[in-house]
Amino acid sequence: HLQQGFAALPGPVRAGVWIAIAGASFTGMMAIARHLSSGMHVFEIVFFRAVLGLPFLVPYMIRSGPRVLHTQKTGLYLLRSVGAFGGLVCFFYAATLITLADIAAIGFTRPAFSTVAAMLFLGEMALRRRWTAIGISAVGALFIVRPGFVEINAGVLFAFGAVASQVLNTVVIKKLTWTEPPDTIAVYQGLYLAPMALVAAAFVWVWPSWEQLAWLVAAGALGTVTQRSIVRSYAAADASVVVALDFIRLPVAALIGLLAFAELPSPWVWLGGAIIIASTVILTRGESRDKGANLPRRTDGKKT
């Protein structure tokens, strides 16, 4: 009955619930990384996060069979795995240095940076609306970081590094979708990421205790919940609605930070996050209208 009642709710309401779940699970994973970092190197945490994600690849491999491994884009898959590895390392390092709410707010800049990358590397059109959204997003980021007013610590740099890694992933995935099946894209990141993380972790390896292993399993589960919740949010409502609701992640992160670590985010973080979300809403709604009008997305005349 509960499942039927939830399905009967309006799409935006269901999307908001999924966004809140995604925000809570992602922030929980960051909190676990901070907790574990006192006795375990970040590289090792990333390795276990990658390994614990491998079982979730089995359904893709069963569904597609041996052909799921057929590809001529090995270089792009390696590049995507580098981006995924760098993103996790940066996120986990950032979690040890700045508040969880700061990480969430800085993460809101990803759509703006992704837009710049798409124009530079995917040939997407440099529309005025896109540049406007990018400019507004940059202003929001400045409110969060406040250079010249507060010292910019390494945690902020790691958080932006994580965003840059996510942007790299976005560009590579977009290129891969032009020729590669979705199941192949999903499988190869896991197959490459785990060995890559193992090489890095081998230099700092410490065998985890049973308690640490339990926390690592929990982090792996939360990472999976995050991804599935994001997908479900986009299935429940239009992208422009989901982007507007994405701001829910900030109070969720702030609440977890307060309960777990007695963190109180600065008012500037809330203001900057709101400005960035506003810019993203402007961008996404415009993109949705363009899709409805069949506006070409690339300068070579191909749709994306």
C-alpha atoms as a PDB file:
ATOM      1  CA  HIS A   1       0.000   0.000   0.000  1.00  0.00           C
ATOM      2  CA  LEU A   2       2.845   2.371   0.802  1.00  0.00           C
ATOM      3  CA  GLN A   3       4.417   1.760  -2.606  1.00  0.00           C
ATOM      4  CA  GLN A   4       1.095   2.345  -4.366  1.00  0.00           C
ATOM      5  CA  GLY A   5       0.512   5.521  -2.381  1.00  0.00           C
ATOM      6  CA  PHE A   6       3.954   6.828  -3.280  1.00  0.00           C
ATOM      7  CA  ALA A   7       3.408   6.037  -6.970  1.00  0.00           C
ATOM      8  CA  ALA A   8       0.151   8.020  -6.854  1.00  0.00           C
ATOM      9  CA  LEU A   9       1.929  11.194  -5.718  1.00  0.00           C
ATOM     10  CA  PRO A  10       2.608  13.932  -8.295  1.00  0.00           C
ATOM     11  CA  GLY A  11       5.859  13.493 -10.231  1.00  0.00           C
ATOM     12  CA  PRO A  12       7.602  16.549  -8.736  1.00  0.00           C
ATOM     13  CA  VAL A  13       6.830  15.326  -5.205  1.00  0.00           C
ATOM     14  CA  ARG A  14       8.278  11.887  -5.939  1.00  0.00           C
ATOM     15  CA  ALA A  15      11.310  13.520  -7.575  1.00  0.00           C
ATOM     16  CA  GLY A  16      11.834  15.646  -4.471  1.00  0.00           C
ATOM     17  CA  VAL A  17      11.773  12.555  -2.257  1.00  0.00           C
ATOM     18  CA  TRP A  18      14.312  10.792  -4.471  1.00  0.00           C
ATOM     19  CA  ILE A  19      16.569  13.864  -4.492  1.00  0.00           C
ATOM     20  CA  ALA A  20      16.425  13.996  -0.691  1.00  0.00           C
ATOM     21  CA  ILE A  21      17.325  10.295  -0.513  1.00  0.00           C
ATOM     22  CA  ALA A  22      20.181  10.821  -2.981  1.00  0.00           C
ATOM     23  CA  GLY A  23      21.460  13.778  -0.970  1.00  0.00           C
ATOM     24  CA  ALA A  24      21.270  11.876   2.308  1.00  0.00           C
ATOM     25  CA  SER A  25      22.993   8.770   0.943  1.00  0.00           C
ATOM     26  CA  PHE A  26      25.767  10.727  -0.801  1.00  0.00           C
ATOM     27  CA  THR A  27      26.402  12.867   2.279  1.00  0.00           C
ATOM     28  CA  GLY A  28      26.354   9.735   4.413  1.00  0.00           C
ATOM     29  CA  MET A  29      29.056   8.249   2.193  1.00  0.00           C
ATOM     30  CA  MET A  30      31.132  11.422   2.662  1.00  0.00           C
ATOM     31  CA  ALA A  31      30.617  11.230   6.432  1.00  0.00           C
ATOM     32  CA  ILE A  32      31.807   7.611   6.478  1.00  0.00           C
ATOM     33  CA  ALA A  33      34.874   8.581   4.442  1.00  0.00           C
ATOM     34  CA  ARG A  34      35.693  11.262   7.018  1.00  0.00           C
ATOM     35  CA  HIS A  35      35.234   8.787   9.860  1.00  0.00           C
ATOM     36  CA  LEU A  36      37.466   6.176   8.210  1.00  0.00           C
ATOM     37  CA  SER A  37      40.168   8.615   7.095  1.00  0.00           C
ATOM     38  CA  SER A  38      41.678   8.755  10.593  1.00  0.00           C
ATOM     39  CA  GLY A  39      42.856   5.154  10.258  1.00  0.00           C
ATOM     40  CA  MET A  40      42.794   4.454   6.534  1.00  0.00           C
ATOM     41  CA  HIS A  41      44.170   6.260   3.476  1.00  0.00           C
ATOM     42  CA  VAL A  42      41.683   7.757   1.038  1.00  0.00           C
ATOM     43  CA  PHE A  43      43.110   5.607  -1.792  1.00  0.00           C
ATOM     44  CA  GLU A  44      42.141   2.483   0.121  1.00  0.00           C
ATOM     45  CA  ILE A  45      38.656   3.826   0.823  1.00  0.00           C
ATOM     46  CA  VAL A  46      38.211   4.482  -2.904  1.00  0.00           C
ATOM     47  CA  PHE A  47      39.417   0.954  -3.706  1.00  0.00           C
ATOM     48  CA  PHE A  48      36.864  -0.674  -1.429  1.00  0.00           C
ATOM     49  CA  ARG A  49      34.164   1.636  -2.767  1.00  0.00           C
ATOM     50  CA  ALA A  50      35.040   0.445  -6.294  1.00  0.00           C
ATOM     51  CA  VAL A  51      35.231  -3.248  -5.377  1.00  0.00           C
ATOM     52  CA  LEU A  52      31.938  -3.188  -3.495  1.00  0.00           C
ATOM     53  CA  GLY A  53      30.319  -1.721  -6.588  1.00  0.00           C
ATOM     54  CA  LEU A  54      31.372  -4.653  -8.804  1.00  0.00           C
ATOM     55  CA  PRO A  55      28.494  -7.013  -7.829  1.00  0.00           C
ATOM     56  CA  PHE A  56      26.044  -4.438  -9.140  1.00  0.00           C
ATOM     57  CA  LEU A  57      27.565  -4.887 -12.621  1.00  0.00           C
ATOM     58  CA  VAL A  58      26.434  -8.523 -12.796  1.00  0.00           C
ATOM     59  CA  PRO A  59      22.877  -7.747 -14.025  1.00  0.00           C
ATOM     60  CA  TYR A  60      24.298  -5.723 -16.931  1.00  0.00           C
ATOM     61  CA  MET A  61      26.653  -8.565 -17.876  1.00  0.00           C
ATOM     62  CA  ILE A  62      23.907 -11.184 -17.664  1.00  0.00           C
ATOM     63  CA  ARG A  63      21.490  -9.075 -19.692  1.00  0.00           C
ATOM     64  CA  SER A  64      23.924  -8.311 -22.521  1.00  0.00           C
ATOM     65  CA  GLY A  65      26.124 -11.421 -22.462  1.00  0.00           C
ATOM     66  CA  PRO A  66      29.705 -11.464 -23.810  1.00  0.00           C
ATOM     67  CA  ARG A  67      28.978  -8.653 -26.262  1.00  0.00           C
ATOM     68  CA  VAL A  68      28.884  -6.215 -23.336  1.00  0.00           C
ATOM     69  CA  LEU A  69      32.704  -6.313 -23.358  1.00  0.00           C
ATOM     70  CA  HIS A  70      33.036  -5.598 -27.089  1.00  0.00           C
ATOM     71  CA  THR A  71      34.407  -2.107 -27.670  1.00  0.00           C
ATOM     72  CA  GLN A  72      36.937  -0.142 -29.697  1.00  0.00           C
ATOM     73  CA  LYS A  73      36.879   2.798 -27.278  1.00  0.00           C
ATOM     74  CA  THR A  74      39.330   1.506 -24.684  1.00  0.00           C
ATOM     75  CA  GLY A  75      41.069   4.872 -24.401  1.00  0.00           C
ATOM     76  CA  LEU A  76      37.838   6.695 -23.590  1.00  0.00           C
ATOM     77  CA  TYR A  77      36.903   4.096 -20.993  1.00  0.00           C
ATOM     78  CA  LEU A  78      40.295   4.476 -19.339  1.00  0.00           C
ATOM     79  CA  LEU A  79      39.858   8.254 -19.352  1.00  0.00           C
ATOM     80  CA  ARG A  80      36.426   7.916 -17.785  1.00  0.00           C
ATOM     81  CA  SER A  81      37.820   5.665 -15.060  1.00  0.00           C
ATOM     82  CA  VAL A  82      40.578   8.188 -14.363  1.00  0.00           C
ATOM     83  CA  GLY A  83      37.887  10.831 -13.943  1.00  0.00           C
ATOM     84  CA  ALA A  84      35.858   8.594 -11.639  1.00  0.00           C
ATOM     85  CA  PHE A  85      38.922   7.752  -9.546  1.00  0.00           C
ATOM     86  CA  GLY A  86      39.974  11.399  -9.311  1.00  0.00           C
ATOM     87  CA  GLY A  87      36.457  12.448  -8.391  1.00  0.00           C
ATOM     88  CA  LEU A  88      36.160   9.960  -5.531  1.00  0.00           C
ATOM     89  CA  VAL A  89      39.621  10.814  -4.198  1.00  0.00           C
ATOM     90  CA  CYS A  90      38.850  14.535  -4.274  1.00  0.00           C
ATOM     91  CA  PHE A  91      35.414  14.099  -2.701  1.00  0.00           C
ATOM     92  CA  PHE A  92      36.771  11.967   0.132  1.00  0.00           C
ATOM     93  CA  TYR A  93      39.689  14.316   0.791  1.00  0.00           C
ATOM     94  CA  ALA A  94      37.312  17.298   0.762  1.00  0.00           C
ATOM     95  CA  ALA A  95      35.095  15.533   3.306  1.00  0.00           C
ATOM     96  CA  THR A  96      37.992  15.515   5.778  1.00  0.00           C
ATOM     97  CA  LEU A  97      38.704  19.244   5.405  1.00  0.00           C
ATOM     98  CA  ILE A  98      35.466  21.223   4.895  1.00  0.00           C
ATOM     99  CA  THR A  99      31.840  20.929   5.966  1.00  0.00           C
ATOM    100  CA  LEU A 100      29.540  18.496   4.210  1.00  0.00           C
ATOM    101  CA  ALA A 101      27.262  21.405   3.280  1.00  0.00           C
ATOM    102  CA  ASP A 102      30.188  23.162   1.575  1.00  0.00           C
ATOM    103  CA  ILE A 103      30.780  20.068  -0.546  1.00  0.00           C
ATOM    104  CA  ALA A 104      27.107  19.928  -1.523  1.00  0.00           C
ATOM    105  CA  ALA A 105      27.006  23.631  -2.428  1.00  0.00           C
ATOM    106  CA  ILE A 106      30.188  23.499  -4.514  1.00  0.00           C
ATOM    107  CA  GLY A 107      28.782  20.434  -6.272  1.00  0.00           C
ATOM    108  CA  PHE A 108      25.967  22.601  -7.619  1.00  0.00           C
ATOM    109  CA  THR A 109      28.480  24.222 -10.011  1.00  0.00           C
ATOM    110  CA  ARG A 110      28.799  21.028 -12.061  1.00  0.00           C
ATOM    111  CA  PRO A 111      26.076  21.854 -14.640  1.00  0.00           C
ATOM    112  CA  ALA A 112      27.716  25.200 -15.447  1.00  0.00           C
ATOM    113  CA  PHE A 113      31.167  23.671 -15.856  1.00  0.00           C
ATOM    114  CA  SER A 114      29.661  20.806 -17.875  1.00  0.00           C
ATOM    115  CA  THR A 115      28.103  23.348 -20.217  1.00  0.00           C
ATOM    116  CA  VAL A 116      31.486  24.983 -20.827  1.00  0.00           C
ATOM    117  CA  ALA A 117      33.083  21.587 -21.446  1.00  0.00           C
ATOM    118  CA  ALA A 118      30.308  20.579 -23.848  1.00  0.00           C
ATOM    119  CA  MET A 119      30.836  23.740 -25.886  1.00  0.00           C
ATOM    120  CA  LEU A 120      34.609  23.242 -25.966  1.00  0.00           C
ATOM    121  CA  PHE A 121      34.832  19.504 -26.577  1.00  0.00           C
ATOM    122  CA  LEU A 122      31.468  18.356 -27.951  1.00  0.00           C
ATOM    123  CA  GLY A 123      30.766  21.190 -30.365  1.00  0.00           C
ATOM    124  CA  GLU A 124      27.582  22.299 -28.619  1.00  0.00           C
ATOM    125  CA  MET A 125      26.299  25.764 -29.437  1.00  0.00           C
ATOM    126  CA  ALA A 126      27.508  28.753 -27.401  1.00  0.00           C
ATOM    127  CA  LEU A 127      24.081  30.251 -26.712  1.00  0.00           C
ATOM    128  CA  ARG A 128      23.752  33.475 -24.747  1.00  0.00           C
ATOM    129  CA  ARG A 129      21.542  31.763 -22.175  1.00  0.00           C
ATOM    130  CA  ARG A 130      24.302  29.269 -21.432  1.00  0.00           C
ATOM    131  CA  TRP A 131      26.887  31.985 -20.859  1.00  0.00           C
ATOM    132  CA  THR A 132      24.430  33.862 -18.623  1.00  0.00           C
ATOM    133  CA  ALA A 133      23.860  30.766 -16.489  1.00  0.00           C
ATOM    134  CA  ILE A 134      27.603  30.155 -16.281  1.00  0.00           C
ATOM    135  CA  GLY A 135      28.206  33.733 -15.131  1.00  0.00           C
ATOM    136  CA  ILE A 136      25.510  33.537 -12.453  1.00  0.00           C
ATOM    137  CA  SER A 137      26.880  30.199 -11.268  1.00  0.00           C
ATOM    138  CA  ALA A 138      30.361  31.716 -10.982  1.00  0.00           C
ATOM    139  CA  VAL A 139      28.958  34.499  -8.793  1.00  0.00           C
ATOM    140  CA  GLY A 140      27.365  31.890  -6.531  1.00  0.00           C
ATOM    141  CA  ALA A 141      30.658  30.029  -6.279  1.00  0.00           C
ATOM    142  CA  LEU A 142      32.405  33.260  -5.262  1.00  0.00           C
ATOM    143  CA  PHE A 143      29.887  33.754  -2.443  1.00  0.00           C
ATOM    144  CA  ILE A 144      30.702  30.262  -1.156  1.00  0.00           C
ATOM    145  CA  VAL A 145      34.483  30.570  -1.435  1.00  0.00           C
ATOM    146  CA  ARG A 146      34.760  34.344  -0.727  1.00  0.00           C
ATOM    147  CA  PRO A 147      38.362  34.744  -1.934  1.00  0.00           C
ATOM    148  CA  GLY A 148      40.086  37.653  -0.233  1.00  0.00           C
ATOM    149  CA  PHE A 149      37.732  37.469   2.756  1.00  0.00           C
ATOM    150  CA  VAL A 150      38.526  33.982   4.011  1.00  0.00           C
ATOM    151  CA  GLU A 151      41.484  31.742   3.353  1.00  0.00           C
ATOM    152  CA  ILE A 152      40.815  29.159   0.652  1.00  0.00           C
ATOM    153  CA  ASN A 153      41.872  25.838   2.135  1.00  0.00           C
ATOM    154  CA  ALA A 154      42.737  22.603   0.388  1.00  0.00           C
ATOM    155  CA  GLY A 155      39.266  21.194   1.055  1.00  0.00           C
ATOM    156  CA  VAL A 156      37.673  23.768  -1.240  1.00  0.00           C
ATOM    157  CA  LEU A 157      40.220  22.975  -3.951  1.00  0.00           C
ATOM    158  CA  PHE A 158      39.537  19.249  -3.591  1.00  0.00           C
ATOM    159  CA  ALA A 159      35.779  19.891  -3.844  1.00  0.00           C
ATOM    160  CA  PHE A 160      36.248  21.829  -7.081  1.00  0.00           C
ATOM    161  CA  GLY A 161      38.643  19.104  -8.247  1.00  0.00           C
ATOM    162  CA  ALA A 162      35.853  16.589  -7.702  1.00  0.00           C
ATOM    163  CA  VAL A 163      33.527  18.752  -9.790  1.00  0.00           C
ATOM    164  CA  ALA A 164      36.151  18.933 -12.551  1.00  0.00           C
ATOM    165  CA  SER A 165      36.440  15.137 -12.504  1.00  0.00           C
ATOM    166  CA  GLN A 166      32.666  14.813 -12.775  1.00  0.00           C
ATOM    167  CA  VAL A 167      32.682  17.190 -15.734  1.00  0.00           C
ATOM    168  CA  LEU A 168      35.342  15.046 -17.417  1.00  0.00           C
ATOM    169  CA  ASN A 169      33.111  12.033 -16.862  1.00  0.00           C
ATOM    170  CA  THR A 170      30.138  13.868 -18.351  1.00  0.00           C
ATOM    171  CA  VAL A 171      32.028  14.724 -21.544  1.00  0.00           C
ATOM    172  CA  VAL A 172      33.453  11.226 -21.953  1.00  0.00           C
ATOM    173  CA  ILE A 173      30.092   9.555 -21.314  1.00  0.00           C
ATOM    174  CA  LYS A 174      28.470  11.826 -23.886  1.00  0.00           C
ATOM    175  CA  LYS A 175      31.078  10.826 -26.465  1.00  0.00           C
ATOM    176  CA  LEU A 176      30.660   7.149 -25.606  1.00  0.00           C
ATOM    177  CA  THR A 177      26.874   7.273 -25.989  1.00  0.00           C
ATOM    178  CA  TRP A 178      27.314   8.179 -29.660  1.00  0.00           C
ATOM    179  CA  THR A 179      28.579   4.644 -30.407  1.00  0.00           C
ATOM    180  CA  GLU A 180      28.487   2.492 -27.252  1.00  0.00           C
ATOM    181  CA  PRO A 181      25.563   0.595 -25.629  1.00  0.00           C
ATOM    182  CA  PRO A 182      24.577   1.816 -22.136  1.00  0.00           C
ATOM    183  CA  ASP A 183      25.364  -1.562 -20.537  1.00  0.00           C
ATOM    184  CA  THR A 184      28.913  -1.503 -21.920  1.00  0.00           C
ATOM    185  CA  ILE A 185      29.432   2.010 -20.565  1.00  0.00           C
ATOM    186  CA  ALA A 186      28.191   0.942 -17.126  1.00  0.00           C
ATOM    187  CA  VAL A 187      30.350  -2.195 -16.973  1.00  0.00           C
ATOM    188  CA  TYR A 188      33.677  -0.812 -18.124  1.00  0.00           C
ATOM    189  CA  GLN A 189      33.963   1.899 -15.482  1.00  0.00           C
ATOM    190  CA  GLY A 190      33.741  -0.690 -12.727  1.00  0.00           C
ATOM    191  CA  LEU A 191      36.137  -3.071 -14.447  1.00  0.00           C
ATOM    192  CA  TYR A 192      38.777  -0.360 -14.862  1.00  0.00           C
ATOM    193  CA  LEU A 193      38.195   1.623 -11.677  1.00  0.00           C
ATOM    194  CA  ALA A 194      38.840  -1.208  -9.203  1.00  0.00           C
ATOM    195  CA  PRO A 195      42.315  -2.190 -10.551  1.00  0.00           C
ATOM    196  CA  MET A 196      43.259   1.478 -10.912  1.00  0.00           C
ATOM    197  CA  ALA A 197      42.322   2.148  -7.290  1.00  0.00           C
ATOM    198  CA  LEU A 198      44.158  -1.008  -6.175  1.00  0.00           C
ATOM    199  CA  VAL A 199      47.429   0.222  -7.700  1.00  0.00           C
ATOM    200  CA  ALA A 200      47.136   3.480  -5.743  1.00  0.00           C
ATOM    201  CA  ALA A 201      46.001   1.753  -2.537  1.00  0.00           C
ATOM    202  CA  ALA A 202      48.840  -0.794  -2.635  1.00  0.00           C
ATOM    203  CA  PHE A 203      51.350   1.895  -1.639  1.00  0.00           C
ATOM    204  CA  VAL A 204      49.413   2.836   1.508  1.00  0.00           C
ATOM    205  CA  TRP A 205      47.692  -0.457   2.298  1.00  0.00           C
ATOM    206  CA  VAL A 206      46.504  -1.224   5.819  1.00  0.00           C
ATOM    207  CA  TRP A 207      44.254  -4.204   6.380  1.00  0.00           C
ATOM    208  CA  PRO A 208      40.879  -2.907   7.617  1.00  0.00           C
ATOM    209  CA  SER A 209      39.405  -4.087  10.882  1.00  0.00           C
ATOM    210  CA  TRP A 210      35.986  -5.727  10.913  1.00  0.00           C
ATOM    211  CA  GLU A 211      34.469  -2.446  12.066  1.00  0.00           C
ATOM    212  CA  GLN A 212      36.147  -0.534   9.243  1.00  0.00           C
ATOM    213  CA  LEU A 213      35.021  -3.179   6.761  1.00  0.00           C
ATOM    214  CA  ALA A 214      31.435  -2.753   7.943  1.00  0.00           C
ATOM    215  CA  TRP A 215      31.691   1.005   7.389  1.00  0.00           C
ATOM    216  CA  LEU A 216      33.160   0.392   3.918  1.00  0.00           C
ATOM    217  CA  VAL A 217      30.264  -1.899   3.013  1.00  0.00           C
ATOM    218  CA  ALA A 218      27.858   0.782   4.227  1.00  0.00           C
ATOM    219  CA  ALA A 219      29.632   3.388   2.075  1.00  0.00           C
ATOM    220  CA  GLY A 220      29.381   1.116  -0.954  1.00  0.00           C
ATOM    221  CA  ALA A 221      25.672   0.587  -0.358  1.00  0.00           C
ATOM    222  CA  LEU A 222      25.076   4.326   0.061  1.00  0.00           C
ATOM    223  CA  GLY A 223      26.928   5.030  -3.179  1.00  0.00           C
ATOM    224  CA  THR A 224      24.630   2.633  -5.011  1.00  0.00           C
ATOM    225  CA  VAL A 225      21.539   4.160  -3.393  1.00  0.00           C
ATOM    226  CA  THR A 226      22.743   7.593  -4.521  1.00  0.00           C
ATOM    227  CA  GLN A 227      23.019   6.565  -8.168  1.00  0.00           C
ATOM    228  CA  ARG A 228      19.692   4.728  -8.250  1.00  0.00           C
ATOM    229  CA  SER A 229      17.879   7.590  -6.501  1.00  0.00           C
ATOM    230  CA  ILE A 230      19.208  10.136  -8.991  1.00  0.00           C
ATOM    231  CA  VAL A 231      18.014   7.980 -11.896  1.00  0.00           C
ATOM    232  CA  ARG A 232      14.582   7.592 -10.297  1.00  0.00           C
ATOM    233  CA  SER A 233      14.280  11.336  -9.711  1.00  0.00           C
ATOM    234  CA  TYR A 234      14.793  12.011 -13.423  1.00  0.00           C
ATOM    235  CA  ALA A 235      12.272   9.289 -14.259  1.00  0.00           C
ATOM    236  CA  ALA A 236       9.687  10.940 -11.991  1.00  0.00           C
ATOM    237  CA  ALA A 237       9.854  14.506 -13.360  1.00  0.00           C
ATOM    238  CA  ASP A 238      11.318  16.714 -16.087  1.00  0.00           C
ATOM    239  CA  ALA A 239      14.982  17.637 -15.844  1.00  0.00           C
ATOM    240  CA  SER A 240      14.151  21.297 -15.165  1.00  0.00           C
ATOM    241  CA  VAL A 241      12.043  20.261 -12.162  1.00  0.00           C
ATOM    242  CA  VAL A 242      14.715  17.905 -10.825  1.00  0.00           C
ATOM    243  CA  VAL A 243      17.395  20.594 -11.109  1.00  0.00           C
ATOM    244  CA  ALA A 244      15.222  23.054  -9.176  1.00  0.00           C
ATOM    245  CA  LEU A 245      14.636  20.443  -6.476  1.00  0.00           C
ATOM    246  CA  ASP A 246      18.359  19.683  -6.286  1.00  0.00           C
ATOM    247  CA  PHE A 247      18.700  22.439  -3.675  1.00  0.00           C
ATOM    248  CA  ILE A 248      17.115  19.983  -1.227  1.00  0.00           C
ATOM    249  CA  ARG A 249      20.536  18.341  -1.005  1.00  0.00           C
ATOM    250  CA  LEU A 250      21.998  21.366   0.802  1.00  0.00           C
ATOM    251  CA  PRO A 251      19.789  21.311   3.934  1.00  0.00           C
ATOM    252  CA  VAL A 252      20.057  17.509   3.991  1.00  0.00           C
ATOM    253  CA  ALA A 253      23.868  17.756   3.958  1.00  0.00           C
ATOM    254  CA  ALA A 254      23.770  20.516   6.573  1.00  0.00           C
ATOM    255  CA  LEU A 255      21.547  18.416   8.853  1.00  0.00           C
ATOM    256  CA  ILE A 256      23.794  15.347   8.595  1.00  0.00           C
ATOM    257  CA  GLY A 257      26.863  17.511   9.200  1.00  0.00           C
ATOM    258  CA  LEU A 258      25.205  19.023  12.266  1.00  0.00           C
ATOM    259  CA  LEU A 259      24.136  15.679  13.733  1.00  0.00           C
ATOM    260  CA  ALA A 260      27.334  13.768  12.943  1.00  0.00           C
ATOM    261  CA  PHE A 261      30.025  16.419  13.371  1.00  0.00           C
ATOM    262  CA  ALA A 262      28.328  19.476  14.965  1.00  0.00           C
ATOM    263  CA  GLU A 263      28.961  21.458  11.753  1.00  0.00           C
ATOM    264  CA  LEU A 264      27.222  24.780  11.138  1.00  0.00           C
ATOM    265  CA  PRO A 265      27.549  25.963   7.518  1.00  0.00           C
ATOM    266  CA  SER A 266      28.089  29.658   6.882  1.00  0.00           C
ATOM    267  CA  PRO A 267      25.118  31.754   5.674  1.00  0.00           C
ATOM    268  CA  TRP A 268      27.246  32.516   2.604  1.00  0.00           C
ATOM    269  CA  VAL A 269      27.083  28.838   1.655  1.00  0.00           C
ATOM    270  CA  TRP A 270      23.280  28.981   1.605  1.00  0.00           C
ATOM    271  CA  LEU A 271      23.274  32.183  -0.446  1.00  0.00           C
ATOM    272  CA  GLY A 272      25.860  30.922  -2.916  1.00  0.00           C
ATOM    273  CA  GLY A 273      24.104  27.580  -3.274  1.00  0.00           C
ATOM    274  CA  ALA A 274      20.773  29.293  -3.966  1.00  0.00           C
ATOM    275  CA  ILE A 275      22.356  31.494  -6.654  1.00  0.00           C
ATOM    276  CA  ILE A 276      23.976  28.497  -8.354  1.00  0.00           C
ATOM    277  CA  ILE A 277      20.723  26.512  -8.311  1.00  0.00           C
ATOM    278  CA  ALA A 278      18.901  29.518  -9.814  1.00  0.00           C
ATOM    279  CA  SER A 279      21.403  29.652 -12.674  1.00  0.00           C
ATOM    280  CA  THR A 280      21.021  25.924 -13.267  1.00  0.00           C
ATOM    281  CA  VAL A 281      17.225  26.200 -13.348  1.00  0.00           C
ATOM    282  CA  ILE A 282      17.494  28.960 -15.971  1.00  0.00           C
ATOM    283  CA  LEU A 283      19.819  26.818 -18.055  1.00  0.00           C
ATOM    284  CA  THR A 284      17.836  23.586 -17.778  1.00  0.00           C
ATOM    285  CA  ARG A 285      14.457  25.137 -18.548  1.00  0.00           C
ATOM    286  CA  GLY A 286      15.893  26.800 -21.623  1.00  0.00           C
ATOM    287  CA  GLU A 287      17.438  23.520 -22.771  1.00  0.00           C
ATOM    288  CA  SER A 288      14.080  21.766 -22.275  1.00  0.00           C
ATOM    289  CA  ARG A 289      12.332  24.339 -24.461  1.00  0.00           C
ATOM    290  CA  ASP A 290      14.993  23.917 -27.128  1.00  0.00           C
ATOM    291  CA  LYS A 291      14.510  20.155 -27.180  1.00  0.00           C
ATOM    292  CA  GLY A 292      10.806  20.679 -27.630  1.00  0.00           C
ATOM    293  CA  ALA A 293      11.536  22.873 -30.620  1.00  0.00           C
ATOM    294  CA  ASN A 294      14.108  20.385 -32.014  1.00  0.00           C
ATOM    295  CA  LEU A 295      16.931  22.921 -31.878  1.00  0.00           C
ATOM    296  CA  PRO A 296      20.250  21.379 -33.033  1.00  0.00           C
ATOM    297  CA  ARG A 297      22.602  20.741 -30.164  1.00  0.00           C
ATOM    298  CA  ARG A 298      25.879  20.560 -32.072  1.00  0.00           C
ATOM    299  CA  THR A 299      27.540  22.792 -34.603  1.00  0.00           C
ATOM    300  CA  ASP A 300      27.976  19.867 -37.006  1.00  0.00           C
ATOM    301  CA  GLY A 301      24.211  19.573 -37.306  1.00  0.00           C
ATOM    302  CA  LYS A 302      23.803  16.363 -35.315  1.00  0.00           C
ATOM    303  CA  LYS A 303      21.492  16.065 -32.362  1.00  0.00           C
ATOM    304  CA  THR A 304      22.810  14.950 -29.008  1.00  0.00           C
END
